[in-house]
Amino acid sequence: MAEPFSFLDSYNRFLKRDKPLPSWTDADVKEFISSDPVHGPALKTAREVAQFGVVGSIVGGITTAGWAWKYSKSPHGTVLSLGFGAICGWTFGHEIGNHSLQLYRYNTVTAQAKFLEWWQNKS
């Protein structure tokens, strides 16, 4: 029987480090995408899908907060619905991006681990 969280083993060498990795820029990510023909497109697609999630989060949060304010005029209910709408919007936005950009075809965990490995060797 496999461990329920065995997928986290890919990240152990990066999470349990003595010295943290330095931060990277978008230029570094673009350099990796152009240098790795296998994992570069997967990382690029994963980054594009995250933008769908951000847009979904904004739309979901504002919409549910607006409805809550319109119908209840309750500040704490509006704040709670903003948070809940943002979480739901992120989820739906990410799923829409996942299917529209066909992210399910890629192994994004391996692509991210390869990027971190590349970044570690570069630094």
PDB file of N, CA and C in Angstrom:
ATOM      1  N   MET A   1       0.836  -1.181   0.000  1.00  0.00           N
ATOM      2  CA  MET A   1       0.000   0.000   0.000  1.00  0.00           C
ATOM      3  C   MET A   1       0.884   1.249   0.000  1.00  0.00           C
ATOM      4  N   ALA A   2       0.580   2.192  -0.856  1.00  0.00           N
ATOM      5  CA  ALA A   2       1.377   3.412  -0.986  1.00  0.00           C
ATOM      6  C   ALA A   2       1.015   4.417   0.102  1.00  0.00           C
ATOM      7  N   GLU A   3       1.958   5.273   0.403  1.00  0.00           N
ATOM      8  CA  GLU A   3       1.711   6.344   1.349  1.00  0.00           C
ATOM      9  C   GLU A   3       0.678   7.301   0.761  1.00  0.00           C
ATOM     10  N   PRO A   4      -0.223   7.819   1.568  1.00  0.00           N
ATOM     11  CA  PRO A   4      -1.231   8.727   1.020  1.00  0.00           C
ATOM     12  C   PRO A   4      -0.644  10.037   0.481  1.00  0.00           C
ATOM     13  N   PHE A   5       0.470  10.478   1.028  1.00  0.00           N
ATOM     14  CA  PHE A   5       1.081  11.725   0.577  1.00  0.00           C
ATOM     15  C   PHE A   5       2.440  11.477  -0.063  1.00  0.00           C
ATOM     16  N   SER A   6       2.566  10.400  -0.808  1.00  0.00           N
ATOM     17  CA  SER A   6       3.843  10.072  -1.424  1.00  0.00           C
ATOM     18  C   SER A   6       4.255  11.070  -2.494  1.00  0.00           C
ATOM     19  N   PHE A   7       3.297  11.819  -3.027  1.00  0.00           N
ATOM     20  CA  PHE A   7       3.637  12.817  -4.040  1.00  0.00           C
ATOM     21  C   PHE A   7       4.500  13.934  -3.461  1.00  0.00           C
ATOM     22  N   LEU A   8       4.488  14.105  -2.145  1.00  0.00           N
ATOM     23  CA  LEU A   8       5.314  15.134  -1.521  1.00  0.00           C
ATOM     24  C   LEU A   8       6.795  14.761  -1.498  1.00  0.00           C
ATOM     25  N   ASP A   9       7.115  13.484  -1.753  1.00  0.00           N
ATOM     26  CA  ASP A   9       8.512  13.069  -1.777  1.00  0.00           C
ATOM     27  C   ASP A   9       9.301  13.806  -2.850  1.00  0.00           C
ATOM     28  N   SER A  10       8.630  14.231  -3.913  1.00  0.00           N
ATOM     29  CA  SER A  10       9.301  14.984  -4.972  1.00  0.00           C
ATOM     30  C   SER A  10       9.842  16.306  -4.447  1.00  0.00           C
ATOM     31  N   TYR A  11       9.210  16.858  -3.425  1.00  0.00           N
ATOM     32  CA  TYR A  11       9.587  18.172  -2.912  1.00  0.00           C
ATOM     33  C   TYR A  11      10.487  18.109  -1.681  1.00  0.00           C
ATOM     34  N   ASN A  12      10.712  16.923  -1.115  1.00  0.00           N
ATOM     35  CA  ASN A  12      11.472  16.836   0.135  1.00  0.00           C
ATOM     36  C   ASN A  12      12.858  17.446   0.038  1.00  0.00           C
ATOM     37  N   ARG A  13      13.528  17.265  -1.083  1.00  0.00           N
ATOM     38  CA  ARG A  13      14.889  17.798  -1.188  1.00  0.00           C
ATOM     39  C   ARG A  13      14.895  19.315  -1.244  1.00  0.00           C
ATOM     40  N   PHE A  14      13.742  19.921  -1.536  1.00  0.00           N
ATOM     41  CA  PHE A  14      13.658  21.372  -1.581  1.00  0.00           C
ATOM     42  C   PHE A  14      13.056  21.948  -0.303  1.00  0.00           C
ATOM     43  N   LEU A  15      12.158  21.211   0.332  1.00  0.00           N
ATOM     44  CA  LEU A  15      11.510  21.706   1.540  1.00  0.00           C
ATOM     45  C   LEU A  15      12.371  21.530   2.780  1.00  0.00           C
ATOM     46  N   LYS A  16      13.107  20.460   2.850  1.00  0.00           N
ATOM     47  CA  LYS A  16      13.921  20.163   4.031  1.00  0.00           C
ATOM     48  C   LYS A  16      15.385  20.498   3.749  1.00  0.00           C
ATOM     49  N   ARG A  17      15.634  21.775   3.499  1.00  0.00           N
ATOM     50  CA  ARG A  17      16.974  22.237   3.159  1.00  0.00           C
ATOM     51  C   ARG A  17      17.610  22.943   4.349  1.00  0.00           C
ATOM     52  N   ASP A  18      18.939  22.930   4.387  1.00  0.00           N
ATOM     53  CA  ASP A  18      19.659  23.671   5.417  1.00  0.00           C
ATOM     54  C   ASP A  18      19.627  25.169   5.126  1.00  0.00           C
ATOM     55  N   LYS A  19      19.804  25.494   3.846  1.00  0.00           N
ATOM     56  CA  LYS A  19      19.824  26.890   3.419  1.00  0.00           C
ATOM     57  C   LYS A  19      18.708  27.093   2.397  1.00  0.00           C
ATOM     58  N   PRO A  20      17.829  28.064   2.579  1.00  0.00           N
ATOM     59  CA  PRO A  20      16.722  28.234   1.625  1.00  0.00           C
ATOM     60  C   PRO A  20      17.216  28.685   0.257  1.00  0.00           C
ATOM     61  N   LEU A  21      16.452  28.333  -0.769  1.00  0.00           N
ATOM     62  CA  LEU A  21      16.775  28.781  -2.120  1.00  0.00           C
ATOM     63  C   LEU A  21      16.534  30.282  -2.235  1.00  0.00           C
ATOM     64  N   PRO A  22      17.364  30.983  -3.004  1.00  0.00           N
ATOM     65  CA  PRO A  22      17.090  32.400  -3.219  1.00  0.00           C
ATOM     66  C   PRO A  22      15.848  32.572  -4.099  1.00  0.00           C
ATOM     67  N   SER A  23      15.228  33.728  -4.013  1.00  0.00           N
ATOM     68  CA  SER A  23      14.034  33.958  -4.825  1.00  0.00           C
ATOM     69  C   SER A  23      14.427  34.102  -6.294  1.00  0.00           C
ATOM     70  N   TRP A  24      13.480  33.794  -7.169  1.00  0.00           N
ATOM     71  CA  TRP A  24      13.751  33.882  -8.603  1.00  0.00           C
ATOM     72  C   TRP A  24      12.795  34.869  -9.240  1.00  0.00           C
ATOM     73  N   THR A  25      13.144  35.264 -10.456  1.00  0.00           N
ATOM     74  CA  THR A  25      12.342  36.241 -11.183  1.00  0.00           C
ATOM     75  C   THR A  25      11.640  35.550 -12.350  1.00  0.00           C
ATOM     76  N   ASP A  26      10.760  36.299 -13.009  1.00  0.00           N
ATOM     77  CA  ASP A  26      10.089  35.765 -14.192  1.00  0.00           C
ATOM     78  C   ASP A  26      11.096  35.462 -15.304  1.00  0.00           C
ATOM     79  N   ALA A  27      12.164  36.234 -15.367  1.00  0.00           N
ATOM     80  CA  ALA A  27      13.190  35.988 -16.390  1.00  0.00           C
ATOM     81  C   ALA A  27      13.849  34.624 -16.177  1.00  0.00           C
ATOM     82  N   ASP A  28      14.053  34.239 -14.916  1.00  0.00           N
ATOM     83  CA  ASP A  28      14.635  32.930 -14.628  1.00  0.00           C
ATOM     84  C   ASP A  28      13.695  31.812 -15.058  1.00  0.00           C
ATOM     85  N   VAL A  29      12.406  32.003 -14.807  1.00  0.00           N
ATOM     86  CA  VAL A  29      11.427  30.989 -15.193  1.00  0.00           C
ATOM     87  C   VAL A  29      11.375  30.884 -16.717  1.00  0.00           C
ATOM     88  N   LYS A  30      11.396  32.031 -17.402  1.00  0.00           N
ATOM     89  CA  LYS A  30      11.385  32.012 -18.876  1.00  0.00           C
ATOM     90  C   LYS A  30      12.639  31.350 -19.434  1.00  0.00           C
ATOM     91  N   GLU A  31      13.764  31.558 -18.772  1.00  0.00           N
ATOM     92  CA  GLU A  31      15.002  30.904 -19.204  1.00  0.00           C
ATOM     93  C   GLU A  31      14.890  29.387 -19.067  1.00  0.00           C
ATOM     94  N   PHE A  32      14.303  28.925 -17.964  1.00  0.00           N
ATOM     95  CA  PHE A  32      14.111  27.484 -17.785  1.00  0.00           C
ATOM     96  C   PHE A  32      13.142  26.933 -18.826  1.00  0.00           C
ATOM     97  N   ILE A  33      12.067  27.655 -19.091  1.00  0.00           N
ATOM     98  CA  ILE A  33      11.073  27.193 -20.062  1.00  0.00           C
ATOM     99  C   ILE A  33      11.705  27.034 -21.437  1.00  0.00           C
ATOM    100  N   SER A  34      12.572  27.971 -21.809  1.00  0.00           N
ATOM    101  CA  SER A  34      13.212  27.867 -23.127  1.00  0.00           C
ATOM    102  C   SER A  34      14.333  26.836 -23.149  1.00  0.00           C
ATOM    103  N   SER A  35      14.922  26.529 -21.992  1.00  0.00           N
ATOM    104  CA  SER A  35      16.052  25.593 -21.981  1.00  0.00           C
ATOM    105  C   SER A  35      15.641  24.137 -21.821  1.00  0.00           C
ATOM    106  N   ASP A  36      14.437  23.862 -21.311  1.00  0.00           N
ATOM    107  CA  ASP A  36      14.002  22.483 -21.087  1.00  0.00           C
ATOM    108  C   ASP A  36      12.790  22.181 -21.970  1.00  0.00           C
ATOM    109  N   PRO A  37      13.013  21.433 -23.075  1.00  0.00           N
ATOM    110  CA  PRO A  37      11.902  21.183 -24.005  1.00  0.00           C
ATOM    111  C   PRO A  37      10.837  20.235 -23.449  1.00  0.00           C
ATOM    112  N   VAL A  38      11.156  19.456 -22.421  1.00  0.00           N
ATOM    113  CA  VAL A  38      10.195  18.500 -21.874  1.00  0.00           C
ATOM    114  C   VAL A  38       9.362  19.141 -20.769  1.00  0.00           C
ATOM    115  N   HIS A  39      10.022  19.706 -19.779  1.00  0.00           N
ATOM    116  CA  HIS A  39       9.321  20.235 -18.616  1.00  0.00           C
ATOM    117  C   HIS A  39       9.012  21.723 -18.724  1.00  0.00           C
ATOM    118  N   GLY A  40       9.633  22.417 -19.641  1.00  0.00           N
ATOM    119  CA  GLY A  40       9.368  23.843 -19.828  1.00  0.00           C
ATOM    120  C   GLY A  40       7.931  24.145 -20.209  1.00  0.00           C
ATOM    121  N   PRO A  41       7.373  23.458 -21.228  1.00  0.00           N
ATOM    122  CA  PRO A  41       5.975  23.732 -21.578  1.00  0.00           C
ATOM    123  C   PRO A  41       4.993  23.421 -20.443  1.00  0.00           C
ATOM    124  N   ALA A  42       5.276  22.402 -19.651  1.00  0.00           N
ATOM    125  CA  ALA A  42       4.394  22.069 -18.524  1.00  0.00           C
ATOM    126  C   ALA A  42       4.415  23.180 -17.483  1.00  0.00           C
ATOM    127  N   LEU A  43       5.590  23.706 -17.197  1.00  0.00           N
ATOM    128  CA  LEU A  43       5.691  24.793 -16.221  1.00  0.00           C
ATOM    129  C   LEU A  43       5.030  26.057 -16.760  1.00  0.00           C
ATOM    130  N   LYS A  44       5.205  26.326 -18.047  1.00  0.00           N
ATOM    131  CA  LYS A  44       4.582  27.500 -18.661  1.00  0.00           C
ATOM    132  C   LYS A  44       3.058  27.391 -18.585  1.00  0.00           C
ATOM    133  N   THR A  45       2.518  26.227 -18.892  1.00  0.00           N
ATOM    134  CA  THR A  45       1.073  26.020 -18.851  1.00  0.00           C
ATOM    135  C   THR A  45       0.551  26.128 -17.421  1.00  0.00           C
ATOM    136  N   ALA A  46       1.289  25.590 -16.458  1.00  0.00           N
ATOM    137  CA  ALA A  46       0.866  25.675 -15.058  1.00  0.00           C
ATOM    138  C   ALA A  46       0.817  27.129 -14.596  1.00  0.00           C
ATOM    139  N   ARG A  47       1.760  27.934 -15.046  1.00  0.00           N
ATOM    140  CA  ARG A  47       1.755  29.353 -14.682  1.00  0.00           C
ATOM    141  C   ARG A  47       0.584  30.086 -15.331  1.00  0.00           C
ATOM    142  N   GLU A  48       0.224  29.689 -16.551  1.00  0.00           N
ATOM    143  CA  GLU A  48      -0.928  30.308 -17.222  1.00  0.00           C
ATOM    144  C   GLU A  48      -2.236  29.918 -16.535  1.00  0.00           C
ATOM    145  N   VAL A  49      -2.325  28.684 -16.074  1.00  0.00           N
ATOM    146  CA  VAL A  49      -3.530  28.230 -15.380  1.00  0.00           C
ATOM    147  C   VAL A  49      -3.704  28.990 -14.069  1.00  0.00           C
ATOM    148  N   ALA A  50      -2.615  29.324 -13.414  1.00  0.00           N
ATOM    149  CA  ALA A  50      -2.713  30.086 -12.162  1.00  0.00           C
ATOM    150  C   ALA A  50      -3.360  31.445 -12.396  1.00  0.00           C
ATOM    151  N   GLN A  51      -3.167  32.020 -13.579  1.00  0.00           N
ATOM    152  CA  GLN A  51      -3.809  33.301 -13.885  1.00  0.00           C
ATOM    153  C   GLN A  51      -5.324  33.139 -13.981  1.00  0.00           C
ATOM    154  N   PHE A  52      -5.794  31.996 -14.489  1.00  0.00           N
ATOM    155  CA  PHE A  52      -7.230  31.714 -14.494  1.00  0.00           C
ATOM    156  C   PHE A  52      -7.759  31.693 -13.062  1.00  0.00           C
ATOM    157  N   GLY A  53      -6.990  31.095 -12.167  1.00  0.00           N
ATOM    158  CA  GLY A  53      -7.402  31.027 -10.765  1.00  0.00           C
ATOM    159  C   GLY A  53      -7.495  32.397 -10.127  1.00  0.00           C
ATOM    160  N   VAL A  54      -6.558  33.271 -10.434  1.00  0.00           N
ATOM    161  CA  VAL A  54      -6.577  34.620  -9.868  1.00  0.00           C
ATOM    162  C   VAL A  54      -7.805  35.387 -10.358  1.00  0.00           C
ATOM    163  N   VAL A  55      -8.079  35.303 -11.649  1.00  0.00           N
ATOM    164  CA  VAL A  55      -9.250  35.986 -12.197  1.00  0.00           C
ATOM    165  C   VAL A  55     -10.529  35.417 -11.581  1.00  0.00           C
ATOM    166  N   GLY A  56     -10.607  34.099 -11.465  1.00  0.00           N
ATOM    167  CA  GLY A  56     -11.774  33.477 -10.850  1.00  0.00           C
ATOM    168  C   GLY A  56     -11.945  33.899  -9.407  1.00  0.00           C
ATOM    169  N   SER A  57     -10.846  34.033  -8.700  1.00  0.00           N
ATOM    170  CA  SER A  57     -10.893  34.447  -7.302  1.00  0.00           C
ATOM    171  C   SER A  57     -11.421  35.871  -7.173  1.00  0.00           C
ATOM    172  N   ILE A  58     -10.968  36.751  -8.018  1.00  0.00           N
ATOM    173  CA  ILE A  58     -11.424  38.142  -7.974  1.00  0.00           C
ATOM    174  C   ILE A  58     -12.912  38.223  -8.316  1.00  0.00           C
ATOM    175  N   VAL A  59     -13.302  37.565  -9.405  1.00  0.00           N
ATOM    176  CA  VAL A  59     -14.705  37.599  -9.830  1.00  0.00           C
ATOM    177  C   VAL A  59     -15.610  36.963  -8.778  1.00  0.00           C
ATOM    178  N   GLY A  60     -15.221  35.796  -8.273  1.00  0.00           N
ATOM    179  CA  GLY A  60     -16.036  35.115  -7.268  1.00  0.00           C
ATOM    180  C   GLY A  60     -16.168  35.902  -5.980  1.00  0.00           C
ATOM    181  N   GLY A  61     -15.069  36.478  -5.525  1.00  0.00           N
ATOM    182  CA  GLY A  61     -15.102  37.242  -4.286  1.00  0.00           C
ATOM    183  C   GLY A  61     -15.956  38.491  -4.394  1.00  0.00           C
ATOM    184  N   ILE A  62     -15.767  39.245  -5.472  1.00  0.00           N
ATOM    185  CA  ILE A  62     -16.539  40.482  -5.638  1.00  0.00           C
ATOM    186  C   ILE A  62     -18.018  40.174  -5.842  1.00  0.00           C
ATOM    187  N   THR A  63     -18.324  39.145  -6.623  1.00  0.00           N
ATOM    188  CA  THR A  63     -19.724  38.806  -6.893  1.00  0.00           C
ATOM    189  C   THR A  63     -20.449  38.383  -5.622  1.00  0.00           C
ATOM    190  N   THR A  64     -19.878  37.462  -4.875  1.00  0.00           N
ATOM    191  CA  THR A  64     -20.575  36.992  -3.670  1.00  0.00           C
ATOM    192  C   THR A  64     -20.637  38.074  -2.600  1.00  0.00           C
ATOM    193  N   ALA A  65     -19.588  38.883  -2.497  1.00  0.00           N
ATOM    194  CA  ALA A  65     -19.631  39.981  -1.524  1.00  0.00           C
ATOM    195  C   ALA A  65     -20.690  41.003  -1.920  1.00  0.00           C
ATOM    196  N   GLY A  66     -20.808  41.277  -3.206  1.00  0.00           N
ATOM    197  CA  GLY A  66     -21.837  42.210  -3.673  1.00  0.00           C
ATOM    198  C   GLY A  66     -23.239  41.705  -3.385  1.00  0.00           C
ATOM    199  N   TRP A  67     -23.470  40.441  -3.626  1.00  0.00           N
ATOM    200  CA  TRP A  67     -24.789  39.869  -3.343  1.00  0.00           C
ATOM    201  C   TRP A  67     -25.087  39.883  -1.851  1.00  0.00           C
ATOM    202  N   ALA A  68     -24.079  39.541  -1.050  1.00  0.00           N
ATOM    203  CA  ALA A  68     -24.293  39.535   0.398  1.00  0.00           C
ATOM    204  C   ALA A  68     -24.603  40.941   0.898  1.00  0.00           C
ATOM    205  N   TRP A  69     -23.905  41.936   0.392  1.00  0.00           N
ATOM    206  CA  TRP A  69     -24.151  43.302   0.826  1.00  0.00           C
ATOM    207  C   TRP A  69     -25.517  43.792   0.354  1.00  0.00           C
ATOM    208  N   LYS A  70     -25.876  43.428  -0.885  1.00  0.00           N
ATOM    209  CA  LYS A  70     -27.157  43.865  -1.440  1.00  0.00           C
ATOM    210  C   LYS A  70     -28.337  43.326  -0.638  1.00  0.00           C
ATOM    211  N   TYR A  71     -28.249  42.069  -0.244  1.00  0.00           N
ATOM    212  CA  TYR A  71     -29.405  41.435   0.392  1.00  0.00           C
ATOM    213  C   TYR A  71     -29.373  41.438   1.918  1.00  0.00           C
ATOM    214  N   SER A  72     -28.207  41.684   2.536  1.00  0.00           N
ATOM    215  CA  SER A  72     -28.191  41.625   3.999  1.00  0.00           C
ATOM    216  C   SER A  72     -27.675  42.901   4.660  1.00  0.00           C
ATOM    217  N   LYS A  73     -26.867  43.684   3.973  1.00  0.00           N
ATOM    218  CA  LYS A  73     -26.245  44.894   4.542  1.00  0.00           C
ATOM    219  C   LYS A  73     -25.462  44.579   5.812  1.00  0.00           C
ATOM    220  N   SER A  74     -24.944  43.372   5.885  1.00  0.00           N
ATOM    221  CA  SER A  74     -24.185  42.931   7.055  1.00  0.00           C
ATOM    222  C   SER A  74     -22.694  42.954   6.721  1.00  0.00           C
ATOM    223  N   PRO A  75     -21.905  43.790   7.392  1.00  0.00           N
ATOM    224  CA  PRO A  75     -20.475  43.868   7.068  1.00  0.00           C
ATOM    225  C   PRO A  75     -19.734  42.547   7.294  1.00  0.00           C
ATOM    226  N   HIS A  76     -19.995  41.869   8.415  1.00  0.00           N
ATOM    227  CA  HIS A  76     -19.267  40.627   8.667  1.00  0.00           C
ATOM    228  C   HIS A  76     -19.710  39.528   7.692  1.00  0.00           C
ATOM    229  N   GLY A  77     -20.982  39.525   7.302  1.00  0.00           N
ATOM    230  CA  GLY A  77     -21.442  38.554   6.307  1.00  0.00           C
ATOM    231  C   GLY A  77     -20.838  38.826   4.946  1.00  0.00           C
ATOM    232  N   THR A  78     -20.663  40.105   4.635  1.00  0.00           N
ATOM    233  CA  THR A  78     -20.045  40.478   3.360  1.00  0.00           C
ATOM    234  C   THR A  78     -18.587  40.043   3.318  1.00  0.00           C
ATOM    235  N   VAL A  79     -17.871  40.231   4.415  1.00  0.00           N
ATOM    236  CA  VAL A  79     -16.463  39.821   4.468  1.00  0.00           C
ATOM    237  C   VAL A  79     -16.346  38.296   4.358  1.00  0.00           C
ATOM    238  N   LEU A  80     -17.214  37.592   5.071  1.00  0.00           N
ATOM    239  CA  LEU A  80     -17.189  36.125   4.986  1.00  0.00           C
ATOM    240  C   LEU A  80     -17.528  35.638   3.575  1.00  0.00           C
ATOM    241  N   SER A  81     -18.497  36.258   2.939  1.00  0.00           N
ATOM    242  CA  SER A  81     -18.852  35.835   1.583  1.00  0.00           C
ATOM    243  C   SER A  81     -17.765  36.219   0.590  1.00  0.00           C
ATOM    244  N   LEU A  82     -17.057  37.307   0.852  1.00  0.00           N
ATOM    245  CA  LEU A  82     -15.912  37.664   0.000  1.00  0.00           C
ATOM    246  C   LEU A  82     -14.858  36.559   0.047  1.00  0.00           C
ATOM    247  N   GLY A  83     -14.540  36.104   1.247  1.00  0.00           N
ATOM    248  CA  GLY A  83     -13.550  35.027   1.389  1.00  0.00           C
ATOM    249  C   GLY A  83     -14.017  33.733   0.766  1.00  0.00           C
ATOM    250  N   PHE A  84     -15.250  33.351   1.026  1.00  0.00           N
ATOM    251  CA  PHE A  84     -15.776  32.109   0.472  1.00  0.00           C
ATOM    252  C   PHE A  84     -15.874  32.190  -1.049  1.00  0.00           C
ATOM    253  N   GLY A  85     -16.327  33.325  -1.570  1.00  0.00           N
ATOM    254  CA  GLY A  85     -16.423  33.498  -3.013  1.00  0.00           C
ATOM    255  C   GLY A  85     -15.066  33.480  -3.684  1.00  0.00           C
ATOM    256  N   ALA A  86     -14.065  34.041  -3.007  1.00  0.00           N
ATOM    257  CA  ALA A  86     -12.708  34.025  -3.567  1.00  0.00           C
ATOM    258  C   ALA A  86     -12.167  32.600  -3.628  1.00  0.00           C
ATOM    259  N   ILE A  87     -12.414  31.813  -2.597  1.00  0.00           N
ATOM    260  CA  ILE A  87     -11.954  30.421  -2.593  1.00  0.00           C
ATOM    261  C   ILE A  87     -12.667  29.618  -3.682  1.00  0.00           C
ATOM    262  N   CYS A  88     -13.977  29.773  -3.767  1.00  0.00           N
ATOM    263  CA  CYS A  88     -14.730  29.048  -4.805  1.00  0.00           C
ATOM    264  C   CYS A  88     -14.341  29.528  -6.199  1.00  0.00           C
ATOM    265  N   GLY A  89     -14.153  30.832  -6.355  1.00  0.00           N
ATOM    266  CA  GLY A  89     -13.743  31.375  -7.649  1.00  0.00           C
ATOM    267  C   GLY A  89     -12.379  30.877  -8.069  1.00  0.00           C
ATOM    268  N   TRP A  90     -11.456  30.763  -7.109  1.00  0.00           N
ATOM    269  CA  TRP A  90     -10.132  30.230  -7.413  1.00  0.00           C
ATOM    270  C   TRP A  90     -10.261  28.786  -7.901  1.00  0.00           C
ATOM    271  N   THR A  91     -11.061  28.011  -7.207  1.00  0.00           N
ATOM    272  CA  THR A  91     -11.236  26.603  -7.570  1.00  0.00           C
ATOM    273  C   THR A  91     -11.839  26.458  -8.957  1.00  0.00           C
ATOM    274  N   PHE A  92     -12.923  27.179  -9.209  1.00  0.00           N
ATOM    275  CA  PHE A  92     -13.568  27.076 -10.524  1.00  0.00           C
ATOM    276  C   PHE A  92     -12.681  27.647 -11.624  1.00  0.00           C
ATOM    277  N   GLY A  93     -12.025  28.762 -11.358  1.00  0.00           N
ATOM    278  CA  GLY A  93     -11.121  29.339 -12.347  1.00  0.00           C
ATOM    279  C   GLY A  93      -9.977  28.412 -12.682  1.00  0.00           C
ATOM    280  N   HIS A  94      -9.430  27.766 -11.658  1.00  0.00           N
ATOM    281  CA  HIS A  94      -8.326  26.828 -11.879  1.00  0.00           C
ATOM    282  C   HIS A  94      -8.806  25.631 -12.688  1.00  0.00           C
ATOM    283  N   GLU A  95      -9.990  25.139 -12.406  1.00  0.00           N
ATOM    284  CA  GLU A  95     -10.527  24.007 -13.172  1.00  0.00           C
ATOM    285  C   GLU A  95     -10.804  24.390 -14.622  1.00  0.00           C
ATOM    286  N   ILE A  96     -11.327  25.587 -14.838  1.00  0.00           N
ATOM    287  CA  ILE A  96     -11.561  26.047 -16.207  1.00  0.00           C
ATOM    288  C   ILE A  96     -10.237  26.140 -16.964  1.00  0.00           C
ATOM    289  N   GLY A  97      -9.234  26.721 -16.324  1.00  0.00           N
ATOM    290  CA  GLY A  97      -7.916  26.793 -16.955  1.00  0.00           C
ATOM    291  C   GLY A  97      -7.306  25.425 -17.180  1.00  0.00           C
ATOM    292  N   ASN A  98      -7.507  24.529 -16.223  1.00  0.00           N
ATOM    293  CA  ASN A  98      -6.981  23.169 -16.329  1.00  0.00           C
ATOM    294  C   ASN A  98      -7.540  22.468 -17.555  1.00  0.00           C
ATOM    295  N   HIS A  99      -8.833  22.600 -17.773  1.00  0.00           N
ATOM    296  CA  HIS A  99      -9.441  21.919 -18.917  1.00  0.00           C
ATOM    297  C   HIS A  99      -9.219  22.664 -20.226  1.00  0.00           C
ATOM    298  N   SER A 100      -9.270  23.981 -20.206  1.00  0.00           N
ATOM    299  CA  SER A 100      -9.115  24.713 -21.462  1.00  0.00           C
ATOM    300  C   SER A 100      -7.677  24.654 -21.975  1.00  0.00           C
ATOM    301  N   LEU A 101      -6.701  24.640 -21.086  1.00  0.00           N
ATOM    302  CA  LEU A 101      -5.291  24.546 -21.501  1.00  0.00           C
ATOM    303  C   LEU A 101      -4.762  23.116 -21.438  1.00  0.00           C
ATOM    304  N   GLN A 102      -5.621  22.170 -21.112  1.00  0.00           N
ATOM    305  CA  GLN A 102      -5.309  20.741 -21.065  1.00  0.00           C
ATOM    306  C   GLN A 102      -4.100  20.445 -20.175  1.00  0.00           C
ATOM    307  N   LEU A 103      -4.136  21.013 -18.981  1.00  0.00           N
ATOM    308  CA  LEU A 103      -3.044  20.815 -18.027  1.00  0.00           C
ATOM    309  C   LEU A 103      -2.958  19.374 -17.555  1.00  0.00           C
ATOM    310  N   TYR A 104      -4.059  18.649 -17.632  1.00  0.00           N
ATOM    311  CA  TYR A 104      -4.074  17.264 -17.181  1.00  0.00           C
ATOM    312  C   TYR A 104      -3.143  16.374 -18.000  1.00  0.00           C
ATOM    313  N   ARG A 105      -2.679  16.832 -19.125  1.00  0.00           N
ATOM    314  CA  ARG A 105      -1.752  16.047 -19.945  1.00  0.00           C
ATOM    315  C   ARG A 105      -0.316  16.103 -19.429  1.00  0.00           C
ATOM    316  N   TYR A 106      -0.041  17.069 -18.567  1.00  0.00           N
ATOM    317  CA  TYR A 106       1.320  17.286 -18.094  1.00  0.00           C
ATOM    318  C   TYR A 106       1.489  16.776 -16.666  1.00  0.00           C
ATOM    319  N   ASN A 107       2.718  16.460 -16.336  1.00  0.00           N
ATOM    320  CA  ASN A 107       3.070  16.131 -14.960  1.00  0.00           C
ATOM    321  C   ASN A 107       3.685  17.384 -14.350  1.00  0.00           C
ATOM    322  N   THR A 108       2.846  18.209 -13.753  1.00  0.00           N
ATOM    323  CA  THR A 108       3.317  19.501 -13.272  1.00  0.00           C
ATOM    324  C   THR A 108       4.196  19.388 -12.027  1.00  0.00           C
ATOM    325  N   VAL A 109       3.986  18.361 -11.224  1.00  0.00           N
ATOM    326  CA  VAL A 109       4.827  18.178 -10.036  1.00  0.00           C
ATOM    327  C   VAL A 109       6.272  17.952 -10.462  1.00  0.00           C
ATOM    328  N   THR A 110       6.474  17.110 -11.464  1.00  0.00           N
ATOM    329  CA  THR A 110       7.827  16.851 -11.952  1.00  0.00           C
ATOM    330  C   THR A 110       8.418  18.105 -12.593  1.00  0.00           C
ATOM    331  N   ALA A 111       7.601  18.850 -13.336  1.00  0.00           N
ATOM    332  CA  ALA A 111       8.091  20.068 -13.972  1.00  0.00           C
ATOM    333  C   ALA A 111       8.542  21.085 -12.926  1.00  0.00           C
ATOM    334  N   GLN A 112       7.763  21.237 -11.856  1.00  0.00           N
ATOM    335  CA  GLN A 112       8.142  22.184 -10.810  1.00  0.00           C
ATOM    336  C   GLN A 112       9.390  21.704 -10.070  1.00  0.00           C
ATOM    337  N   ALA A 113       9.468  20.403  -9.828  1.00  0.00           N
ATOM    338  CA  ALA A 113      10.658  19.859  -9.162  1.00  0.00           C
ATOM    339  C   ALA A 113      11.891  20.031 -10.039  1.00  0.00           C
ATOM    340  N   LYS A 114      11.750  19.828 -11.349  1.00  0.00           N
ATOM    341  CA  LYS A 114      12.884  20.025 -12.272  1.00  0.00           C
ATOM    342  C   LYS A 114      13.312  21.485 -12.304  1.00  0.00           C
ATOM    343  N   PHE A 115      12.324  22.400 -12.254  1.00  0.00           N
ATOM    344  CA  PHE A 115      12.675  23.816 -12.210  1.00  0.00           C
ATOM    345  C   PHE A 115      13.450  24.135 -10.935  1.00  0.00           C
ATOM    346  N   LEU A 116      12.983  23.646  -9.793  1.00  0.00           N
ATOM    347  CA  LEU A 116      13.687  23.903  -8.541  1.00  0.00           C
ATOM    348  C   LEU A 116      15.086  23.303  -8.541  1.00  0.00           C
ATOM    349  N   GLU A 117      15.204  22.114  -9.128  1.00  0.00           N
ATOM    350  CA  GLU A 117      16.527  21.482  -9.243  1.00  0.00           C
ATOM    351  C   GLU A 117      17.434  22.316 -10.143  1.00  0.00           C
ATOM    352  N   TRP A 118      16.898  22.776 -11.261  1.00  0.00           N
ATOM    353  CA  TRP A 118      17.660  23.633 -12.184  1.00  0.00           C
ATOM    354  C   TRP A 118      18.077  24.917 -11.488  1.00  0.00           C
ATOM    355  N   TRP A 119      17.132  25.507 -10.733  1.00  0.00           N
ATOM    356  CA  TRP A 119      17.421  26.754 -10.038  1.00  0.00           C
ATOM    357  C   TRP A 119      18.479  26.541  -8.956  1.00  0.00           C
ATOM    358  N   GLN A 120      18.415  25.422  -8.273  1.00  0.00           N
ATOM    359  CA  GLN A 120      19.385  25.107  -7.226  1.00  0.00           C
ATOM    360  C   GLN A 120      20.785  24.970  -7.832  1.00  0.00           C
ATOM    361  N   ASN A 121      20.895  24.311  -8.967  1.00  0.00           N
ATOM    362  CA  ASN A 121      22.196  24.141  -9.618  1.00  0.00           C
ATOM    363  C   ASN A 121      22.709  25.446 -10.203  1.00  0.00           C
ATOM    364  N   LYS A 122      21.787  26.313 -10.620  1.00  0.00           N
ATOM    365  CA  LYS A 122      22.179  27.596 -11.197  1.00  0.00           C
ATOM    366  C   LYS A 122      22.689  28.546 -10.129  1.00  0.00           C
ATOM    367  N   SER A 123      22.080  28.492  -8.943  1.00  0.00           N
ATOM    368  CA  SER A 123      22.433  29.434  -7.871  1.00  0.00           C
ATOM    369  C   SER A 123      23.752  29.124  -7.235  1.00  0.00           C
TER     370      SER A 123
END
